[in-house]
C-alpha atoms as a PDB file:
ATOM      1  CA  UNK A   1      35.483   3.253  -5.497  1.00  0.00           C
ATOM      2  CA  UNK A   2      33.748   1.317  -2.467  1.00  0.00           C
ATOM      3  CA  UNK A   3      34.610   1.372   1.176  1.00  0.00           C
ATOM      4  CA  UNK A   4      33.810  -1.669   2.833  1.00  0.00           C
ATOM      5  CA  UNK A   5      33.240  -2.037   6.838  1.00  0.00           C
ATOM      6  CA  UNK A   6      30.289  -1.632   9.300  1.00  0.00           C
ATOM      7  CA  UNK A   7      31.836   2.276  10.034  1.00  0.00           C
ATOM      8  CA  UNK A   8      29.636   5.390   9.734  1.00  0.00           C
ATOM      9  CA  UNK A   9      31.258   7.861   7.454  1.00  0.00           C
ATOM     10  CA  UNK A  10      32.961  10.034  10.353  1.00  0.00           C
ATOM     11  CA  UNK A  11      34.642   6.865  11.771  1.00  0.00           C
ATOM     12  CA  UNK A  12      36.242   6.307   8.058  1.00  0.00           C
ATOM     13  CA  UNK A  13      36.617  10.011   7.585  1.00  0.00           C
ATOM     14  CA  UNK A  14      38.432  10.024  10.815  1.00  0.00           C
ATOM     15  CA  UNK A  15      41.407   7.537   9.608  1.00  0.00           C
ATOM     16  CA  UNK A  16      41.564   8.474   5.737  1.00  0.00           C
ATOM     17  CA  UNK A  17      40.322  11.852   5.661  1.00  0.00           C
ATOM     18  CA  UNK A  18      37.612  13.691   3.486  1.00  0.00           C
ATOM     19  CA  UNK A  19      39.942  12.338   0.090  1.00  0.00           C
ATOM     20  CA  UNK A  20      40.455   8.618   0.462  1.00  0.00           C
ATOM     21  CA  UNK A  21      41.323   8.889  -3.491  1.00  0.00           C
ATOM     22  CA  UNK A  22      43.568  11.730  -2.696  1.00  0.00           C
ATOM     23  CA  UNK A  23      45.094  10.077   0.308  1.00  0.00           C
ATOM     24  CA  UNK A  24      45.882   7.089  -1.716  1.00  0.00           C
ATOM     25  CA  UNK A  25      47.307   8.310  -4.916  1.00  0.00           C
ATOM     26  CA  UNK A  26      49.861  10.296  -3.038  1.00  0.00           C
ATOM     27  CA  UNK A  27      51.024   7.580  -0.675  1.00  0.00           C
ATOM     28  CA  UNK A  28      54.396   6.172  -1.825  1.00  0.00           C
ATOM     29  CA  UNK A  29      53.953   2.903  -3.830  1.00  0.00           C
ATOM     30  CA  UNK A  30      55.999   1.301  -1.575  1.00  0.00           C
ATOM     31  CA  UNK A  31      53.557   1.816   1.278  1.00  0.00           C
ATOM     32  CA  UNK A  32      50.653   1.021  -0.714  1.00  0.00           C
ATOM     33  CA  UNK A  33      52.249  -2.155  -1.865  1.00  0.00           C
ATOM     34  CA  UNK A  34      52.163  -3.223   1.846  1.00  0.00           C
ATOM     35  CA  UNK A  35      48.498  -2.671   1.926  1.00  0.00           C
ATOM     36  CA  UNK A  36      47.226  -4.606  -0.933  1.00  0.00           C
ATOM     37  CA  UNK A  37      44.684  -6.959   0.104  1.00  0.00           C
ATOM     38  CA  UNK A  38      42.183  -9.292  -1.876  1.00  0.00           C
ATOM     39  CA  UNK A  39      38.688  -9.667  -0.703  1.00  0.00           C
ATOM     40  CA  UNK A  40      35.581 -11.889  -2.076  1.00  0.00           C
ATOM     41  CA  UNK A  41      32.724  -9.723  -2.719  1.00  0.00           C
ATOM     42  CA  UNK A  42      29.582  -9.843  -4.655  1.00  0.00           C
ATOM     43  CA  UNK A  43      29.703  -7.795  -8.174  1.00  0.00           C
ATOM     44  CA  UNK A  44      27.734  -4.949  -8.653  1.00  0.00           C
ATOM     45  CA  UNK A  45      27.570  -1.010  -9.083  1.00  0.00           C
ATOM     46  CA  UNK A  46      28.629  -0.365  -5.273  1.00  0.00           C
ATOM     47  CA  UNK A  47      32.477  -1.122  -6.942  1.00  0.00           C
ATOM     48  CA  UNK A  48      32.545   1.200  -9.575  1.00  0.00           C
ATOM     49  CA  UNK A  49      33.077   0.294 -13.341  1.00  0.00           C
ATOM     50  CA  UNK A  50      37.023   0.659 -13.035  1.00  0.00           C
ATOM     51  CA  UNK A  51      37.071  -1.586  -9.952  1.00  0.00           C
ATOM     52  CA  UNK A  52      39.975  -4.027 -10.092  1.00  0.00           C
ATOM     53  CA  UNK A  53      38.101  -7.414  -9.736  1.00  0.00           C
ATOM     54  CA  UNK A  54      38.019 -10.912 -11.051  1.00  0.00           C
ATOM     55  CA  UNK A  55      35.101 -13.135 -11.208  1.00  0.00           C
ATOM     56  CA  UNK A  56      35.229 -16.119  -9.576  1.00  0.00           C
ATOM     57  CA  UNK A  57      32.993 -18.977 -10.881  1.00  0.00           C
ATOM     58  CA  UNK A  58      30.679 -19.458 -13.489  1.00  0.00           C
ATOM     59  CA  UNK A  59      27.428 -17.929 -12.281  1.00  0.00           C
ATOM     60  CA  UNK A  60      29.142 -14.357 -11.839  1.00  0.00           C
ATOM     61  CA  UNK A  61      27.822 -14.409  -7.893  1.00  0.00           C
ATOM     62  CA  UNK A  62      31.004 -13.436  -6.184  1.00  0.00           C
ATOM     63  CA  UNK A  63      34.229 -11.888  -7.448  1.00  0.00           C
ATOM     64  CA  UNK A  64      37.890 -11.441  -6.246  1.00  0.00           C
ATOM     65  CA  UNK A  65      38.470  -7.462  -5.543  1.00  0.00           C
ATOM     66  CA  UNK A  66      41.585  -6.046  -4.972  1.00  0.00           C
ATOM     67  CA  UNK A  67      41.839  -3.969  -2.257  1.00  0.00           C
ATOM     68  CA  UNK A  68      43.574  -1.544  -0.236  1.00  0.00           C
ATOM     69  CA  UNK A  69      43.607  -2.106   3.927  1.00  0.00           C
ATOM     70  CA  UNK A  70      43.590   1.570   5.423  1.00  0.00           C
ATOM     71  CA  UNK A  71      44.787   2.269   8.965  1.00  0.00           C
ATOM     72  CA  UNK A  72      41.042   1.436  10.604  1.00  0.00           C
ATOM     73  CA  UNK A  73      40.534  -1.706   8.909  1.00  0.00           C
ATOM     74  CA  UNK A  74      38.849  -0.658   6.240  1.00  0.00           C
ATOM     75  CA  UNK A  75      39.290  -1.600   2.622  1.00  0.00           C
ATOM     76  CA  UNK A  76      38.560   0.449  -0.318  1.00  0.00           C
ATOM     77  CA  UNK A  77      38.613  -0.774  -3.720  1.00  0.00           C
ATOM     78  CA  UNK A  78      41.471  -0.595  -6.253  1.00  0.00           C
ATOM     79  CA  UNK A  79      40.544   0.877  -9.573  1.00  0.00           C
ATOM     80  CA  UNK A  80      42.539   0.900 -12.805  1.00  0.00           C
ATOM     81  CA  UNK A  81      43.613   4.483 -12.523  1.00  0.00           C
ATOM     82  CA  UNK A  82      45.513   4.030  -9.408  1.00  0.00           C
ATOM     83  CA  UNK A  83      47.393   0.961 -10.239  1.00  0.00           C
ATOM     84  CA  UNK A  84      48.888   2.992 -13.185  1.00  0.00           C
ATOM     85  CA  UNK A  85      49.676   5.808 -11.359  1.00  0.00           C
ATOM     86  CA  UNK A  86      51.499   4.075  -9.053  1.00  0.00           C
ATOM     87  CA  UNK A  87      53.341   2.188 -11.684  1.00  0.00           C
ATOM     88  CA  UNK A  88      52.152  -1.686 -10.640  1.00  0.00           C
ATOM     89  CA  UNK A  89      51.406  -4.508 -13.245  1.00  0.00           C
ATOM     90  CA  UNK A  90      48.000  -5.543 -12.377  1.00  0.00           C
ATOM     91  CA  UNK A  91      49.336  -9.285 -12.013  1.00  0.00           C
ATOM     92  CA  UNK A  92      51.780  -7.640  -9.007  1.00  0.00           C
ATOM     93  CA  UNK A  93      48.850  -6.465  -7.726  1.00  0.00           C
ATOM     94  CA  UNK A  94      47.016  -9.737  -7.582  1.00  0.00           C
ATOM     95  CA  UNK A  95      50.236 -11.611  -6.401  1.00  0.00           C
ATOM     96  CA  UNK A  96      51.347  -9.288  -3.593  1.00  0.00           C
ATOM     97  CA  UNK A  97      47.827  -8.701  -2.242  1.00  0.00           C
ATOM     98  CA  UNK A  98      47.636 -12.337  -1.914  1.00  0.00           C
ATOM     99  CA  UNK A  99      50.540 -13.098  -0.654  1.00  0.00           C
ATOM    100  CA  UNK A 100      49.934 -10.388   2.092  1.00  0.00           C
ATOM    101  CA  UNK A 101      47.040 -11.998   3.734  1.00  0.00           C
ATOM    102  CA  UNK A 102      49.788 -14.058   5.322  1.00  0.00           C
ATOM    103  CA  UNK A 103      49.706 -10.973   7.890  1.00  0.00           C
ATOM    104  CA  UNK A 104      45.763 -11.558   8.407  1.00  0.00           C
ATOM    105  CA  UNK A 105      44.901 -13.373  11.802  1.00  0.00           C
ATOM    106  CA  UNK A 106      42.179 -16.118  11.248  1.00  0.00           C
ATOM    107  CA  UNK A 107      40.896 -18.767  13.815  1.00  0.00           C
ATOM    108  CA  UNK A 108      37.994 -21.771  13.448  1.00  0.00           C
ATOM    109  CA  UNK A 109      37.224 -25.016  14.834  1.00  0.00           C
ATOM    110  CA  UNK A 110      38.113 -27.938  12.498  1.00  0.00           C
ATOM    111  CA  UNK A 111      35.505 -30.548  12.259  1.00  0.00           C
ATOM    112  CA  UNK A 112      37.154 -34.121  11.972  1.00  0.00           C
ATOM    113  CA  UNK A 113      35.114 -36.052   9.581  1.00  0.00           C
ATOM    114  CA  UNK A 114      34.940 -39.436   7.680  1.00  0.00           C
ATOM    115  CA  UNK A 115      38.306 -39.667   6.358  1.00  0.00           C
ATOM    116  CA  UNK A 116      39.006 -35.448   6.398  1.00  0.00           C
ATOM    117  CA  UNK A 117      38.578 -32.619   8.414  1.00  0.00           C
ATOM    118  CA  UNK A 118      36.247 -29.792   7.413  1.00  0.00           C
ATOM    119  CA  UNK A 119      38.054 -26.430   8.112  1.00  0.00           C
ATOM    120  CA  UNK A 120      36.294 -23.909   9.101  1.00  0.00           C
ATOM    121  CA  UNK A 121      38.298 -20.340   9.082  1.00  0.00           C
ATOM    122  CA  UNK A 122      37.074 -16.890  10.617  1.00  0.00           C
ATOM    123  CA  UNK A 123      38.563 -13.775   9.783  1.00  0.00           C
ATOM    124  CA  UNK A 124      39.725 -11.527  12.533  1.00  0.00           C
ATOM    125  CA  UNK A 125      41.105  -8.268  11.031  1.00  0.00           C
ATOM    126  CA  UNK A 126      40.089  -9.195   7.977  1.00  0.00           C
ATOM    127  CA  UNK A 127      37.357 -10.926   6.358  1.00  0.00           C
ATOM    128  CA  UNK A 128      38.079 -14.855   6.451  1.00  0.00           C
ATOM    129  CA  UNK A 129      36.588 -15.986   2.936  1.00  0.00           C
ATOM    130  CA  UNK A 130      39.919 -14.329   1.388  1.00  0.00           C
ATOM    131  CA  UNK A 131      41.999 -16.754   2.954  1.00  0.00           C
ATOM    132  CA  UNK A 132      40.674 -18.997  -0.164  1.00  0.00           C
ATOM    133  CA  UNK A 133      43.323 -17.095  -1.988  1.00  0.00           C
ATOM    134  CA  UNK A 134      45.861 -18.931  -0.324  1.00  0.00           C
ATOM    135  CA  UNK A 135      43.833 -21.745   1.109  1.00  0.00           C
ATOM    136  CA  UNK A 136      46.164 -24.680   1.210  1.00  0.00           C
ATOM    137  CA  UNK A 137      49.023 -22.487   2.748  1.00  0.00           C
ATOM    138  CA  UNK A 138      46.374 -20.993   5.122  1.00  0.00           C
ATOM    139  CA  UNK A 139      45.019 -24.607   6.266  1.00  0.00           C
ATOM    140  CA  UNK A 140      48.449 -26.105   6.481  1.00  0.00           C
ATOM    141  CA  UNK A 141      47.624 -28.603   3.637  1.00  0.00           C
ATOM    142  CA  UNK A 142      49.255 -29.126   0.532  1.00  0.00           C
ATOM    143  CA  UNK A 143      45.867 -30.487  -1.011  1.00  0.00           C
ATOM    144  CA  UNK A 144      47.103 -32.449  -3.676  1.00  0.00           C
ATOM    145  CA  UNK A 145      43.857 -33.257  -4.985  1.00  0.00           C
ATOM    146  CA  UNK A 146      42.280 -29.872  -3.962  1.00  0.00           C
ATOM    147  CA  UNK A 147      39.470 -28.722  -1.534  1.00  0.00           C
ATOM    148  CA  UNK A 148      35.836 -28.736  -1.558  1.00  0.00           C
ATOM    149  CA  UNK A 149      35.076 -24.919  -0.701  1.00  0.00           C
ATOM    150  CA  UNK A 150      31.642 -23.168   0.353  1.00  0.00           C
ATOM    151  CA  UNK A 151      31.897 -19.394   1.428  1.00  0.00           C
ATOM    152  CA  UNK A 152      28.539 -18.946   3.192  1.00  0.00           C
ATOM    153  CA  UNK A 153      29.494 -15.105   4.673  1.00  0.00           C
ATOM    154  CA  UNK A 154      32.310 -12.735   4.153  1.00  0.00           C
ATOM    155  CA  UNK A 155      34.060 -13.648   7.183  1.00  0.00           C
ATOM    156  CA  UNK A 156      33.916 -17.353   7.028  1.00  0.00           C
ATOM    157  CA  UNK A 157      34.881 -19.883   4.402  1.00  0.00           C
ATOM    158  CA  UNK A 158      34.798 -24.131   4.642  1.00  0.00           C
ATOM    159  CA  UNK A 159      37.178 -26.494   2.953  1.00  0.00           C
ATOM    160  CA  UNK A 160      37.226 -30.042   2.783  1.00  0.00           C
ATOM    161  CA  UNK A 161      40.379 -31.803   1.293  1.00  0.00           C
ATOM    162  CA  UNK A 162      39.673 -34.368  -1.049  1.00  0.00           C
ATOM    163  CA  UNK A 163      41.585 -37.337  -0.014  1.00  0.00           C
ATOM    164  CA  UNK A 164      39.520 -39.845  -1.559  1.00  0.00           C
ATOM    165  CA  UNK A 165      36.202 -40.255  -3.197  1.00  0.00           C
ATOM    166  CA  UNK A 166      34.526 -40.871   0.019  1.00  0.00           C
ATOM    167  CA  UNK A 167      35.486 -37.171   0.571  1.00  0.00           C
ATOM    168  CA  UNK A 168      33.615 -36.077  -2.824  1.00  0.00           C
ATOM    169  CA  UNK A 169      30.551 -37.824  -1.785  1.00  0.00           C
ATOM    170  CA  UNK A 170      30.487 -35.834   1.710  1.00  0.00           C
ATOM    171  CA  UNK A 171      29.288 -32.539  -0.737  1.00  0.00           C
ATOM    172  CA  UNK A 172      26.118 -32.396   0.528  1.00  0.00           C
ATOM    173  CA  UNK A 173      27.209 -32.461   4.222  1.00  0.00           C
ATOM    174  CA  UNK A 174      29.494 -29.221   3.510  1.00  0.00           C
ATOM    175  CA  UNK A 175      26.714 -27.826   1.805  1.00  0.00           C
ATOM    176  CA  UNK A 176      24.403 -28.047   4.528  1.00  0.00           C
ATOM    177  CA  UNK A 177      26.731 -27.141   7.098  1.00  0.00           C
ATOM    178  CA  UNK A 178      27.100 -24.018   5.005  1.00  0.00           C
ATOM    179  CA  UNK A 179      23.405 -23.269   4.744  1.00  0.00           C
ATOM    180  CA  UNK A 180      23.127 -23.659   8.686  1.00  0.00           C
ATOM    181  CA  UNK A 181      25.366 -20.592   8.850  1.00  0.00           C
ATOM    182  CA  UNK A 182      23.035 -18.316   6.800  1.00  0.00           C
ATOM    183  CA  UNK A 183      19.597 -19.393   8.026  1.00  0.00           C
ATOM    184  CA  UNK A 184      19.085 -15.671   9.032  1.00  0.00           C
ATOM    185  CA  UNK A 185      21.015 -13.758   6.579  1.00  0.00           C
ATOM    186  CA  UNK A 186      21.615 -13.946   2.592  1.00  0.00           C
ATOM    187  CA  UNK A 187      25.212 -16.149   1.693  1.00  0.00           C
ATOM    188  CA  UNK A 188      28.094 -14.531   0.338  1.00  0.00           C
ATOM    189  CA  UNK A 189      27.782 -17.535  -2.128  1.00  0.00           C
ATOM    190  CA  UNK A 190      25.262 -20.878  -2.051  1.00  0.00           C
ATOM    191  CA  UNK A 191      27.777 -22.451  -4.865  1.00  0.00           C
ATOM    192  CA  UNK A 192      30.288 -24.978  -4.218  1.00  0.00           C
ATOM    193  CA  UNK A 193      33.775 -24.829  -5.726  1.00  0.00           C
ATOM    194  CA  UNK A 194      37.067 -26.976  -6.110  1.00  0.00           C
ATOM    195  CA  UNK A 195      40.178 -25.110  -5.113  1.00  0.00           C
ATOM    196  CA  UNK A 196      43.436 -26.601  -6.786  1.00  0.00           C
ATOM    197  CA  UNK A 197      46.485 -25.576  -7.359  1.00  0.00           C
ATOM    198  CA  UNK A 198      45.321 -21.811  -6.701  1.00  0.00           C
ATOM    199  CA  UNK A 199      42.491 -22.447  -9.520  1.00  0.00           C
ATOM    200  CA  UNK A 200      38.621 -21.848  -7.956  1.00  0.00           C
ATOM    201  CA  UNK A 201      36.612 -24.071 -10.321  1.00  0.00           C
ATOM    202  CA  UNK A 202      32.986 -24.018  -9.637  1.00  0.00           C
ATOM    203  CA  UNK A 203      30.871 -27.120  -9.495  1.00  0.00           C
ATOM    204  CA  UNK A 204      27.438 -28.216 -10.847  1.00  0.00           C
ATOM    205  CA  UNK A 205      25.303 -30.006  -7.642  1.00  0.00           C
ATOM    206  CA  UNK A 206      22.604 -32.319  -8.524  1.00  0.00           C
ATOM    207  CA  UNK A 207      20.797 -33.413  -5.153  1.00  0.00           C
ATOM    208  CA  UNK A 208      20.115 -36.950  -5.137  1.00  0.00           C
ATOM    209  CA  UNK A 209      18.452 -36.707  -1.690  1.00  0.00           C
ATOM    210  CA  UNK A 210      18.014 -34.404   1.217  1.00  0.00           C
ATOM    211  CA  UNK A 211      21.479 -35.071   2.367  1.00  0.00           C
ATOM    212  CA  UNK A 212      23.058 -36.661  -0.582  1.00  0.00           C
ATOM    213  CA  UNK A 213      24.555 -34.848  -3.783  1.00  0.00           C
ATOM    214  CA  UNK A 214      26.673 -35.632  -6.748  1.00  0.00           C
ATOM    215  CA  UNK A 215      29.109 -33.064  -8.229  1.00  0.00           C
ATOM    216  CA  UNK A 216      30.061 -32.587 -11.987  1.00  0.00           C
ATOM    217  CA  UNK A 217      32.971 -30.015 -12.830  1.00  0.00           C
ATOM    218  CA  UNK A 218      35.357 -29.721 -15.784  1.00  0.00           C
ATOM    219  CA  UNK A 219      37.299 -32.659 -17.311  1.00  0.00           C
ATOM    220  CA  UNK A 220      40.120 -31.853 -15.281  1.00  0.00           C
ATOM    221  CA  UNK A 221      38.090 -32.270 -11.862  1.00  0.00           C
ATOM    222  CA  UNK A 222      37.087 -35.318 -13.371  1.00  0.00           C
ATOM    223  CA  UNK A 223      40.304 -36.678 -13.892  1.00  0.00           C
ATOM    224  CA  UNK A 224      41.487 -35.537 -10.096  1.00  0.00           C
ATOM    225  CA  UNK A 225      38.705 -37.346  -8.717  1.00  0.00           C
ATOM    226  CA  UNK A 226      39.127 -40.620 -10.725  1.00  0.00           C
ATOM    227  CA  UNK A 227      42.874 -40.817  -9.583  1.00  0.00           C
ATOM    228  CA  UNK A 228      41.250 -40.486  -5.826  1.00  0.00           C
ATOM    229  CA  UNK A 229      41.746 -43.630  -3.915  1.00  0.00           C
ATOM    230  CA  UNK A 230      38.038 -45.467  -2.488  1.00  0.00           C
END
């Protein structure tokens, strides 16, 4: 079971007590339900073998992680035995955790581009990258054709709604913008994704020059893109 946030062990224990698992297992399920959240993270042994997670993309670079938010903002990963103890269905955990992200504040300065807007979401009390699980609602756009998404850091995501084939051609710009945000740190993800109807699909990128990139995705992605106006 992993604890997240830049806090010392003493700070974590002050909020949760010495036995984090015991606190969560003894809490009423109704209380746990309102504290469920999702995060985007990197896979690894730090999450534990029984962590409730879901791969994002084909490369396995990042995963969605189900968590409980503590009183100090600390995120504790949920493990399968905990879900069973609370009497939850896994599907309910994912849905409720995503719904609860509505309560988390975030900011960011939209960047107007040719024919679209590049949205930047930065988390305040919870990592901004988690807003990818409710992206259309978060940026106030129905995203009928979806959006290009990059996740440069755990606290930031960039999303470019697709409303024309011209915006698809801006993939290189989106990737370069993300790279500029992570020059001095390891990025959360180096990939570019297509968000559509709640599904996140990782796209293949082929660079045609320093700034120009073409995208390849599933047949579903190709069908949507071909239907876009010029």
